């Protein structure tokens, strides 16, 4: 599986960001990300110092090409534009990743 990882920097107003993410962004993702999975992780601490990131969103899809193709559509542009619009602490970092899972 492949993932689009979005790392949101610390927002100017965390409460405002949380409200916008829950009330606007999640419903938009539900509407537009058909057939994909969204995992949202709230970052609580860093190993050393303060974390530069507040929230991590992962969109799972069968391939990086599927994710890139989605971002080129009007639905993908709407989701990406909204993600950047609510990120008041600066632009989010966007990464394309592939999973290697090892049972330990």
PDB file of N, CA and C in Angstrom:
ATOM      1  N   UNK A   1       0.836  -1.184   0.000  1.00  0.00           N
ATOM      2  CA  UNK A   1       0.000   0.000   0.000  1.00  0.00           C
ATOM      3  C   UNK A   1       0.883   1.249   0.000  1.00  0.00           C
ATOM      4  N   UNK A   2       0.314   2.279  -0.550  1.00  0.00           N
ATOM      5  CA  UNK A   2       0.994   3.571  -0.600  1.00  0.00           C
ATOM      6  C   UNK A   2       0.207   4.579   0.208  1.00  0.00           C
ATOM      7  N   UNK A   3       0.898   5.615   0.651  1.00  0.00           N
ATOM      8  CA  UNK A   3       0.238   6.647   1.448  1.00  0.00           C
ATOM      9  C   UNK A   3       0.677   8.024   1.000  1.00  0.00           C
ATOM     10  N   UNK A   4      -0.267   8.940   1.098  1.00  0.00           N
ATOM     11  CA  UNK A   4       0.016  10.359   1.029  1.00  0.00           C
ATOM     12  C   UNK A   4       0.025  10.808   2.482  1.00  0.00           C
ATOM     13  N   UNK A   5       1.145  11.311   2.954  1.00  0.00           N
ATOM     14  CA  UNK A   5       1.286  11.753   4.338  1.00  0.00           C
ATOM     15  C   UNK A   5       1.308  13.274   4.351  1.00  0.00           C
ATOM     16  N   UNK A   6       0.434  13.864   5.166  1.00  0.00           N
ATOM     17  CA  UNK A   6       0.368  15.314   5.312  1.00  0.00           C
ATOM     18  C   UNK A   6       0.713  15.644   6.753  1.00  0.00           C
ATOM     19  N   UNK A   7       1.794  16.396   6.949  1.00  0.00           N
ATOM     20  CA  UNK A   7       2.238  16.804   8.279  1.00  0.00           C
ATOM     21  C   UNK A   7       1.908  18.285   8.461  1.00  0.00           C
ATOM     22  N   UNK A   8       0.971  18.559   9.359  1.00  0.00           N
ATOM     23  CA  UNK A   8       0.558  19.939   9.624  1.00  0.00           C
ATOM     24  C   UNK A   8       1.441  20.548  10.704  1.00  0.00           C
ATOM     25  N   UNK A   9       2.014  21.739  10.452  1.00  0.00           N
ATOM     26  CA  UNK A   9       2.806  22.396  11.490  1.00  0.00           C
ATOM     27  C   UNK A   9       1.921  22.880  12.633  1.00  0.00           C
ATOM     28  N   UNK A  10       2.551  23.228  13.730  1.00  0.00           N
ATOM     29  CA  UNK A  10       1.812  23.761  14.881  1.00  0.00           C
ATOM     30  C   UNK A  10       0.971  24.955  14.411  1.00  0.00           C
ATOM     31  N   UNK A  11      -0.345  24.916  14.627  1.00  0.00           N
ATOM     32  CA  UNK A  11      -1.194  26.019  14.168  1.00  0.00           C
ATOM     33  C   UNK A  11      -1.074  27.239  15.070  1.00  0.00           C
ATOM     34  N   UNK A  12      -1.452  28.387  14.533  1.00  0.00           N
ATOM     35  CA  UNK A  12      -1.483  29.609  15.333  1.00  0.00           C
ATOM     36  C   UNK A  12      -2.508  29.465  16.465  1.00  0.00           C
ATOM     37  N   UNK A  13      -3.661  28.890  16.145  1.00  0.00           N
ATOM     38  CA  UNK A  13      -4.733  28.667  17.126  1.00  0.00           C
ATOM     39  C   UNK A  13      -5.182  27.219  17.005  1.00  0.00           C
ATOM     40  N   UNK A  14      -4.712  26.367  17.930  1.00  0.00           N
ATOM     41  CA  UNK A  14      -4.997  24.932  17.860  1.00  0.00           C
ATOM     42  C   UNK A  14      -6.491  24.637  17.921  1.00  0.00           C
ATOM     43  N   UNK A  15      -7.218  25.352  18.756  1.00  0.00           N
ATOM     44  CA  UNK A  15      -8.660  25.106  18.875  1.00  0.00           C
ATOM     45  C   UNK A  15      -9.377  25.415  17.561  1.00  0.00           C
ATOM     46  N   UNK A  16      -9.006  26.501  16.919  1.00  0.00           N
ATOM     47  CA  UNK A  16      -9.613  26.873  15.635  1.00  0.00           C
ATOM     48  C   UNK A  16      -9.266  25.830  14.568  1.00  0.00           C
ATOM     49  N   UNK A  17      -8.006  25.385  14.533  1.00  0.00           N
ATOM     50  CA  UNK A  17      -7.594  24.365  13.571  1.00  0.00           C
ATOM     51  C   UNK A  17      -8.379  23.078  13.780  1.00  0.00           C
ATOM     52  N   UNK A  18      -8.475  22.630  15.046  1.00  0.00           N
ATOM     53  CA  UNK A  18      -9.196  21.388  15.354  1.00  0.00           C
ATOM     54  C   UNK A  18     -10.654  21.466  14.903  1.00  0.00           C
ATOM     55  N   UNK A  19     -11.290  22.596  15.133  1.00  0.00           N
ATOM     56  CA  UNK A  19     -12.689  22.771  14.717  1.00  0.00           C
ATOM     57  C   UNK A  19     -12.808  22.715  13.204  1.00  0.00           C
ATOM     58  N   UNK A  20     -11.937  23.417  12.491  1.00  0.00           N
ATOM     59  CA  UNK A  20     -11.982  23.419  11.027  1.00  0.00           C
ATOM     60  C   UNK A  20     -11.694  22.025  10.471  1.00  0.00           C
ATOM     61  N   UNK A  21     -10.753  21.323  11.071  1.00  0.00           N
ATOM     62  CA  UNK A  21     -10.401  19.992  10.584  1.00  0.00           C
ATOM     63  C   UNK A  21     -11.577  19.041  10.773  1.00  0.00           C
ATOM     64  N   UNK A  22     -12.184  19.073  11.969  1.00  0.00           N
ATOM     65  CA  UNK A  22     -13.292  18.157  12.270  1.00  0.00           C
ATOM     66  C   UNK A  22     -14.572  18.515  11.519  1.00  0.00           C
ATOM     67  N   UNK A  23     -14.900  19.797  11.465  1.00  0.00           N
ATOM     68  CA  UNK A  23     -16.189  20.216  10.894  1.00  0.00           C
ATOM     69  C   UNK A  23     -16.156  20.399   9.379  1.00  0.00           C
ATOM     70  N   UNK A  24     -14.976  20.662   8.818  1.00  0.00           N
ATOM     71  CA  UNK A  24     -14.886  20.946   7.391  1.00  0.00           C
ATOM     72  C   UNK A  24     -14.064  19.914   6.624  1.00  0.00           C
ATOM     73  N   UNK A  25     -12.847  19.648   7.113  1.00  0.00           N
ATOM     74  CA  UNK A  25     -11.929  18.827   6.314  1.00  0.00           C
ATOM     75  C   UNK A  25     -12.324  17.351   6.312  1.00  0.00           C
ATOM     76  N   UNK A  26     -12.661  16.806   7.456  1.00  0.00           N
ATOM     77  CA  UNK A  26     -13.062  15.390   7.502  1.00  0.00           C
ATOM     78  C   UNK A  26     -14.296  15.152   6.628  1.00  0.00           C
ATOM     79  N   UNK A  27     -15.360  15.971   6.725  1.00  0.00           N
ATOM     80  CA  UNK A  27     -16.508  15.756   5.824  1.00  0.00           C
ATOM     81  C   UNK A  27     -16.136  15.886   4.341  1.00  0.00           C
ATOM     82  N   UNK A  28     -15.241  16.825   4.014  1.00  0.00           N
ATOM     83  CA  UNK A  28     -14.800  16.971   2.633  1.00  0.00           C
ATOM     84  C   UNK A  28     -14.074  15.708   2.171  1.00  0.00           C
ATOM     85  N   UNK A  29     -13.218  15.161   3.027  1.00  0.00           N
ATOM     86  CA  UNK A  29     -12.505  13.924   2.698  1.00  0.00           C
ATOM     87  C   UNK A  29     -13.480  12.761   2.521  1.00  0.00           C
ATOM     88  N   UNK A  30     -14.483  12.666   3.391  1.00  0.00           N
ATOM     89  CA  UNK A  30     -15.487  11.605   3.253  1.00  0.00           C
ATOM     90  C   UNK A  30     -16.179  11.676   1.899  1.00  0.00           C
ATOM     91  N   UNK A  31     -16.443  12.891   1.455  1.00  0.00           N
ATOM     92  CA  UNK A  31     -17.137  13.090   0.179  1.00  0.00           C
ATOM     93  C   UNK A  31     -16.234  12.805  -1.018  1.00  0.00           C
ATOM     94  N   UNK A  32     -14.974  13.200  -0.947  1.00  0.00           N
ATOM     95  CA  UNK A  32     -14.098  13.172  -2.119  1.00  0.00           C
ATOM     96  C   UNK A  32     -13.171  11.964  -2.208  1.00  0.00           C
ATOM     97  N   UNK A  33     -12.790  11.384  -1.071  1.00  0.00           N
ATOM     98  CA  UNK A  33     -11.790  10.307  -1.072  1.00  0.00           C
ATOM     99  C   UNK A  33     -12.445   8.930  -1.135  1.00  0.00           C
ATOM    100  N   UNK A  34     -13.290   8.712  -2.096  1.00  0.00           N
ATOM    101  CA  UNK A  34     -13.987   7.428  -2.226  1.00  0.00           C
ATOM    102  C   UNK A  34     -12.987   6.312  -2.528  1.00  0.00           C
ATOM    103  N   UNK A  35     -13.105   5.207  -1.785  1.00  0.00           N
ATOM    104  CA  UNK A  35     -12.241   4.060  -2.009  1.00  0.00           C
ATOM    105  C   UNK A  35     -10.880   4.157  -1.357  1.00  0.00           C
ATOM    106  N   UNK A  36     -10.609   5.246  -0.654  1.00  0.00           N
ATOM    107  CA  UNK A  36      -9.334   5.407   0.049  1.00  0.00           C
ATOM    108  C   UNK A  36      -9.602   5.403   1.552  1.00  0.00           C
ATOM    109  N   UNK A  37      -8.552   5.289   2.312  1.00  0.00           N
ATOM    110  CA  UNK A  37      -8.673   5.286   3.772  1.00  0.00           C
ATOM    111  C   UNK A  37      -7.892   6.473   4.318  1.00  0.00           C
ATOM    112  N   UNK A  38      -8.498   7.174   5.283  1.00  0.00           N
ATOM    113  CA  UNK A  38      -7.849   8.312   5.937  1.00  0.00           C
ATOM    114  C   UNK A  38      -7.581   7.949   7.391  1.00  0.00           C
ATOM    115  N   UNK A  39      -6.336   8.126   7.819  1.00  0.00           N
ATOM    116  CA  UNK A  39      -5.942   7.918   9.214  1.00  0.00           C
ATOM    117  C   UNK A  39      -5.382   9.243   9.721  1.00  0.00           C
ATOM    118  N   UNK A  40      -5.919   9.733  10.840  1.00  0.00           N
ATOM    119  CA  UNK A  40      -5.489  11.007  11.414  1.00  0.00           C
ATOM    120  C   UNK A  40      -4.803  10.727  12.746  1.00  0.00           C
ATOM    121  N   UNK A  41      -3.600  11.256  12.903  1.00  0.00           N
ATOM    122  CA  UNK A  41      -2.816  11.066  14.124  1.00  0.00           C
ATOM    123  C   UNK A  41      -2.537  12.419  14.751  1.00  0.00           C
ATOM    124  N   UNK A  42      -2.913  12.570  16.011  1.00  0.00           N
ATOM    125  CA  UNK A  42      -2.636  13.800  16.758  1.00  0.00           C
ATOM    126  C   UNK A  42      -1.279  13.630  17.429  1.00  0.00           C
ATOM    127  N   UNK A  43      -0.350  14.494  17.107  1.00  0.00           N
ATOM    128  CA  UNK A  43       1.010  14.389  17.624  1.00  0.00           C
ATOM    129  C   UNK A  43       1.057  15.066  18.984  1.00  0.00           C
ATOM    130  N   UNK A  44       1.427  14.321  20.002  1.00  0.00           N
ATOM    131  CA  UNK A  44       1.394  14.809  21.386  1.00  0.00           C
ATOM    132  C   UNK A  44       2.749  15.233  21.935  1.00  0.00           C
ATOM    133  N   UNK A  45       3.840  14.672  21.393  1.00  0.00           N
ATOM    134  CA  UNK A  45       5.163  14.999  21.918  1.00  0.00           C
ATOM    135  C   UNK A  45       6.222  14.550  20.919  1.00  0.00           C
ATOM    136  N   UNK A  46       7.421  15.055  21.112  1.00  0.00           N
ATOM    137  CA  UNK A  46       8.580  14.632  20.324  1.00  0.00           C
ATOM    138  C   UNK A  46       9.598  14.017  21.272  1.00  0.00           C
ATOM    139  N   UNK A  47      10.508  13.245  20.742  1.00  0.00           N
ATOM    140  CA  UNK A  47      11.526  12.609  21.578  1.00  0.00           C
ATOM    141  C   UNK A  47      12.418  13.652  22.248  1.00  0.00           C
ATOM    142  N   UNK A  48      12.649  14.753  21.554  1.00  0.00           N
ATOM    143  CA  UNK A  48      13.476  15.833  22.106  1.00  0.00           C
ATOM    144  C   UNK A  48      12.886  17.165  21.670  1.00  0.00           C
ATOM    145  N   UNK A  49      12.630  18.020  22.615  1.00  0.00           N
ATOM    146  CA  UNK A  49      12.095  19.332  22.301  1.00  0.00           C
ATOM    147  C   UNK A  49      10.629  19.271  21.892  1.00  0.00           C
ATOM    148  N   UNK A  50      10.150  20.373  21.338  1.00  0.00           N
ATOM    149  CA  UNK A  50       8.762  20.449  20.907  1.00  0.00           C
ATOM    150  C   UNK A  50       8.648  19.955  19.471  1.00  0.00           C
ATOM    151  N   UNK A  51       7.590  19.219  19.175  1.00  0.00           N
ATOM    152  CA  UNK A  51       7.380  18.727  17.821  1.00  0.00           C
ATOM    153  C   UNK A  51       7.050  19.894  16.889  1.00  0.00           C
ATOM    154  N   UNK A  52       7.647  19.913  15.700  1.00  0.00           N
ATOM    155  CA  UNK A  52       7.270  20.949  14.736  1.00  0.00           C
ATOM    156  C   UNK A  52       5.896  20.659  14.109  1.00  0.00           C
ATOM    157  N   UNK A  53       5.384  19.439  14.358  1.00  0.00           N
ATOM    158  CA  UNK A  53       4.124  19.032  13.751  1.00  0.00           C
ATOM    159  C   UNK A  53       3.031  18.861  14.793  1.00  0.00           C
ATOM    160  N   UNK A  54       1.827  19.205  14.384  1.00  0.00           N
ATOM    161  CA  UNK A  54       0.655  19.138  15.256  1.00  0.00           C
ATOM    162  C   UNK A  54      -0.221  17.928  14.937  1.00  0.00           C
ATOM    163  N   UNK A  55      -0.328  17.619  13.641  1.00  0.00           N
ATOM    164  CA  UNK A  55      -1.222  16.559  13.214  1.00  0.00           C
ATOM    165  C   UNK A  55      -0.641  15.905  11.966  1.00  0.00           C
ATOM    166  N   UNK A  56      -0.841  14.591  11.847  1.00  0.00           N
ATOM    167  CA  UNK A  56      -0.423  13.851  10.665  1.00  0.00           C
ATOM    168  C   UNK A  56      -1.646  13.165  10.078  1.00  0.00           C
ATOM    169  N   UNK A  57      -1.872  13.382   8.799  1.00  0.00           N
ATOM    170  CA  UNK A  57      -2.951  12.706   8.097  1.00  0.00           C
ATOM    171  C   UNK A  57      -2.328  11.776   7.060  1.00  0.00           C
ATOM    172  N   UNK A  58      -2.861  10.557   6.980  1.00  0.00           N
ATOM    173  CA  UNK A  58      -2.381   9.580   6.010  1.00  0.00           C
ATOM    174  C   UNK A  58      -3.555   9.139   5.148  1.00  0.00           C
ATOM    175  N   UNK A  59      -3.406   9.271   3.842  1.00  0.00           N
ATOM    176  CA  UNK A  59      -4.411   8.786   2.905  1.00  0.00           C
ATOM    177  C   UNK A  59      -3.826   7.545   2.239  1.00  0.00           C
ATOM    178  N   UNK A  60      -4.474   6.407   2.448  1.00  0.00           N
ATOM    179  CA  UNK A  60      -4.005   5.126   1.928  1.00  0.00           C
ATOM    180  C   UNK A  60      -4.654   4.846   0.580  1.00  0.00           C
ATOM    181  N   UNK A  61      -3.863   4.359  -0.361  1.00  0.00           N
ATOM    182  CA  UNK A  61      -4.353   3.995  -1.686  1.00  0.00           C
ATOM    183  C   UNK A  61      -3.488   2.849  -2.226  1.00  0.00           C
ATOM    184  N   UNK A  62      -3.931   2.206  -3.309  1.00  0.00           N
ATOM    185  CA  UNK A  62      -3.172   1.069  -3.847  1.00  0.00           C
ATOM    186  C   UNK A  62      -1.791   1.420  -4.384  1.00  0.00           C
ATOM    187  N   UNK A  63      -1.593   2.668  -4.841  1.00  0.00           N
ATOM    188  CA  UNK A  63      -0.294   3.037  -5.426  1.00  0.00           C
ATOM    189  C   UNK A  63      -0.075   4.547  -5.328  1.00  0.00           C
ATOM    190  N   UNK A  64       1.180   4.927  -5.462  1.00  0.00           N
ATOM    191  CA  UNK A  64       1.512   6.349  -5.501  1.00  0.00           C
ATOM    192  C   UNK A  64       0.878   6.988  -6.736  1.00  0.00           C
ATOM    193  N   UNK A  65       0.844   6.245  -7.838  1.00  0.00           N
ATOM    194  CA  UNK A  65       0.239   6.774  -9.055  1.00  0.00           C
ATOM    195  C   UNK A  65      -1.246   7.082  -8.852  1.00  0.00           C
ATOM    196  N   UNK A  66      -1.937   6.243  -8.081  1.00  0.00           N
ATOM    197  CA  UNK A  66      -3.356   6.499  -7.786  1.00  0.00           C
ATOM    198  C   UNK A  66      -3.503   7.784  -6.969  1.00  0.00           C
ATOM    199  N   UNK A  67      -2.615   7.982  -6.003  1.00  0.00           N
ATOM    200  CA  UNK A  67      -2.655   9.199  -5.189  1.00  0.00           C
ATOM    201  C   UNK A  67      -2.350  10.431  -6.038  1.00  0.00           C
ATOM    202  N   UNK A  68      -1.313  10.340  -6.863  1.00  0.00           N
ATOM    203  CA  UNK A  68      -0.959  11.468  -7.720  1.00  0.00           C
ATOM    204  C   UNK A  68      -2.078  11.763  -8.718  1.00  0.00           C
ATOM    205  N   UNK A  69      -2.688  10.707  -9.253  1.00  0.00           N
ATOM    206  CA  UNK A  69      -3.795  10.892 -10.176  1.00  0.00           C
ATOM    207  C   UNK A  69      -4.968  11.584  -9.512  1.00  0.00           C
ATOM    208  N   UNK A  70      -5.277  11.172  -8.271  1.00  0.00           N
ATOM    209  CA  UNK A  70      -6.366  11.799  -7.530  1.00  0.00           C
ATOM    210  C   UNK A  70      -6.088  13.286  -7.314  1.00  0.00           C
ATOM    211  N   UNK A  71      -4.853  13.631  -6.955  1.00  0.00           N
ATOM    212  CA  UNK A  71      -4.520  15.036  -6.708  1.00  0.00           C
ATOM    213  C   UNK A  71      -4.652  15.897  -7.956  1.00  0.00           C
ATOM    214  N   UNK A  72      -4.618  15.280  -9.126  1.00  0.00           N
ATOM    215  CA  UNK A  72      -4.783  16.016 -10.371  1.00  0.00           C
ATOM    216  C   UNK A  72      -6.231  16.251 -10.771  1.00  0.00           C
ATOM    217  N   UNK A  73      -7.165  15.706  -9.998  1.00  0.00           N
ATOM    218  CA  UNK A  73      -8.587  15.874 -10.303  1.00  0.00           C
ATOM    219  C   UNK A  73      -9.149  17.083  -9.559  1.00  0.00           C
ATOM    220  N   UNK A  74     -10.327  17.566  -9.980  1.00  0.00           N
ATOM    221  CA  UNK A  74     -10.971  18.656  -9.225  1.00  0.00           C
ATOM    222  C   UNK A  74     -11.236  18.271  -7.763  1.00  0.00           C
ATOM    223  N   UNK A  75     -11.631  17.019  -7.497  1.00  0.00           N
ATOM    224  CA  UNK A  75     -11.844  16.583  -6.110  1.00  0.00           C
ATOM    225  C   UNK A  75     -10.543  16.622  -5.320  1.00  0.00           C
ATOM    226  N   UNK A  76      -9.464  16.141  -5.928  1.00  0.00           N
ATOM    227  CA  UNK A  76      -8.166  16.169  -5.260  1.00  0.00           C
ATOM    228  C   UNK A  76      -7.685  17.580  -5.002  1.00  0.00           C
ATOM    229  N   UNK A  77      -7.904  18.464  -5.948  1.00  0.00           N
ATOM    230  CA  UNK A  77      -7.519  19.865  -5.777  1.00  0.00           C
ATOM    231  C   UNK A  77      -8.335  20.526  -4.665  1.00  0.00           C
ATOM    232  N   UNK A  78      -9.618  20.159  -4.553  1.00  0.00           N
ATOM    233  CA  UNK A  78     -10.459  20.724  -3.490  1.00  0.00           C
ATOM    234  C   UNK A  78      -9.954  20.292  -2.116  1.00  0.00           C
ATOM    235  N   UNK A  79      -9.618  19.010  -1.972  1.00  0.00           N
ATOM    236  CA  UNK A  79      -9.119  18.500  -0.684  1.00  0.00           C
ATOM    237  C   UNK A  79      -7.772  19.135  -0.353  1.00  0.00           C
ATOM    238  N   UNK A  80      -6.852  19.152  -1.316  1.00  0.00           N
ATOM    239  CA  UNK A  80      -5.521  19.727  -1.075  1.00  0.00           C
ATOM    240  C   UNK A  80      -5.617  21.221  -0.770  1.00  0.00           C
ATOM    241  N   UNK A  81      -6.434  21.935  -1.515  1.00  0.00           N
ATOM    242  CA  UNK A  81      -6.590  23.372  -1.283  1.00  0.00           C
ATOM    243  C   UNK A  81      -7.127  23.659   0.101  1.00  0.00           C
ATOM    244  N   UNK A  82      -8.082  22.853   0.535  1.00  0.00           N
ATOM    245  CA  UNK A  82      -8.633  23.054   1.874  1.00  0.00           C
ATOM    246  C   UNK A  82      -7.584  22.739   2.938  1.00  0.00           C
ATOM    247  N   UNK A  83      -6.814  21.672   2.738  1.00  0.00           N
ATOM    248  CA  UNK A  83      -5.766  21.303   3.697  1.00  0.00           C
ATOM    249  C   UNK A  83      -4.775  22.450   3.871  1.00  0.00           C
ATOM    250  N   UNK A  84      -4.360  23.055   2.766  1.00  0.00           N
ATOM    251  CA  UNK A  84      -3.419  24.169   2.849  1.00  0.00           C
ATOM    252  C   UNK A  84      -4.091  25.404   3.447  1.00  0.00           C
ATOM    253  N   UNK A  85      -5.379  25.588   3.165  1.00  0.00           N
ATOM    254  CA  UNK A  85      -6.103  26.752   3.654  1.00  0.00           C
ATOM    255  C   UNK A  85      -6.295  26.785   5.157  1.00  0.00           C
ATOM    256  N   UNK A  86      -6.454  25.617   5.773  1.00  0.00           N
ATOM    257  CA  UNK A  86      -6.679  25.587   7.227  1.00  0.00           C
ATOM    258  C   UNK A  86      -5.373  25.485   8.015  1.00  0.00           C
ATOM    259  N   UNK A  87      -4.253  25.308   7.334  1.00  0.00           N
ATOM    260  CA  UNK A  87      -2.959  25.145   8.001  1.00  0.00           C
ATOM    261  C   UNK A  87      -2.369  26.518   8.317  1.00  0.00           C
ATOM    262  N   UNK A  88      -2.773  27.083   9.452  1.00  0.00           N
ATOM    263  CA  UNK A  88      -2.398  28.456   9.805  1.00  0.00           C
ATOM    264  C   UNK A  88      -0.958  28.599  10.295  1.00  0.00           C
ATOM    265  N   UNK A  89      -0.299  27.502  10.618  1.00  0.00           N
ATOM    266  CA  UNK A  89       1.087  27.572  11.087  1.00  0.00           C
ATOM    267  C   UNK A  89       2.099  27.511   9.971  1.00  0.00           C
ATOM    268  N   UNK A  90       1.636  27.552   8.729  1.00  0.00           N
ATOM    269  CA  UNK A  90       2.503  27.430   7.563  1.00  0.00           C
ATOM    270  C   UNK A  90       2.002  26.292   6.704  1.00  0.00           C
ATOM    271  N   UNK A  91       2.588  26.130   5.533  1.00  0.00           N
ATOM    272  CA  UNK A  91       2.119  25.062   4.649  1.00  0.00           C
ATOM    273  C   UNK A  91       2.452  23.686   5.218  1.00  0.00           C
ATOM    274  N   UNK A  92       1.551  22.728   5.040  1.00  0.00           N
ATOM    275  CA  UNK A  92       1.861  21.379   5.500  1.00  0.00           C
ATOM    276  C   UNK A  92       2.927  20.735   4.613  1.00  0.00           C
ATOM    277  N   UNK A  93       3.638  19.779   5.180  1.00  0.00           N
ATOM    278  CA  UNK A  93       4.586  18.968   4.428  1.00  0.00           C
ATOM    279  C   UNK A  93       3.811  17.798   3.840  1.00  0.00           C
ATOM    280  N   UNK A  94       3.989  17.543   2.558  1.00  0.00           N
ATOM    281  CA  UNK A  94       3.260  16.472   1.875  1.00  0.00           C
ATOM    282  C   UNK A  94       4.275  15.473   1.323  1.00  0.00           C
ATOM    283  N   UNK A  95       4.090  14.198   1.676  1.00  0.00           N
ATOM    284  CA  UNK A  95       5.012  13.133   1.279  1.00  0.00           C
ATOM    285  C   UNK A  95       4.240  11.976   0.649  1.00  0.00           C
ATOM    286  N   UNK A  96       4.842  11.314  -0.324  1.00  0.00           N
ATOM    287  CA  UNK A  96       4.309  10.065  -0.864  1.00  0.00           C
ATOM    288  C   UNK A  96       5.177   8.946  -0.311  1.00  0.00           C
ATOM    289  N   UNK A  97       4.553   7.919   0.266  1.00  0.00           N
ATOM    290  CA  UNK A  97       5.303   6.844   0.902  1.00  0.00           C
ATOM    291  C   UNK A  97       4.761   5.480   0.489  1.00  0.00           C
ATOM    292  N   UNK A  98       5.583   4.457   0.672  1.00  0.00           N
ATOM    293  CA  UNK A  98       5.166   3.074   0.508  1.00  0.00           C
ATOM    294  C   UNK A  98       5.535   2.315   1.766  1.00  0.00           C
ATOM    295  N   UNK A  99       4.687   1.387   2.154  1.00  0.00           N
ATOM    296  CA  UNK A  99       4.853   0.642   3.398  1.00  0.00           C
ATOM    297  C   UNK A  99       5.647  -0.651   3.185  1.00  0.00           C
ATOM    298  N   UNK A 100       6.552  -0.919   4.085  1.00  0.00           N
ATOM    299  CA  UNK A 100       7.177  -2.231   4.274  1.00  0.00           C
ATOM    300  C   UNK A 100       6.863  -2.612   5.700  1.00  0.00           C
ATOM    301  N   UNK A 101       6.106  -3.670   5.901  1.00  0.00           N
ATOM    302  CA  UNK A 101       5.714  -4.082   7.251  1.00  0.00           C
ATOM    303  C   UNK A 101       6.538  -5.307   7.634  1.00  0.00           C
ATOM    304  N   UNK A 102       7.134  -5.246   8.829  1.00  0.00           N
ATOM    305  CA  UNK A 102       7.948  -6.351   9.353  1.00  0.00           C
ATOM    306  C   UNK A 102       7.360  -6.788  10.686  1.00  0.00           C
ATOM    307  N   UNK A 103       7.023  -8.044  10.810  1.00  0.00           N
ATOM    308  CA  UNK A 103       6.537  -8.564  12.079  1.00  0.00           C
ATOM    309  C   UNK A 103       7.733  -8.776  13.003  1.00  0.00           C
ATOM    310  N   UNK A 104       7.692  -8.174  14.185  1.00  0.00           N
ATOM    311  CA  UNK A 104       8.824  -8.272  15.129  1.00  0.00           C
ATOM    312  C   UNK A 104       8.464  -9.118  16.318  1.00  0.00           C
TER     313      UNK A 104
END
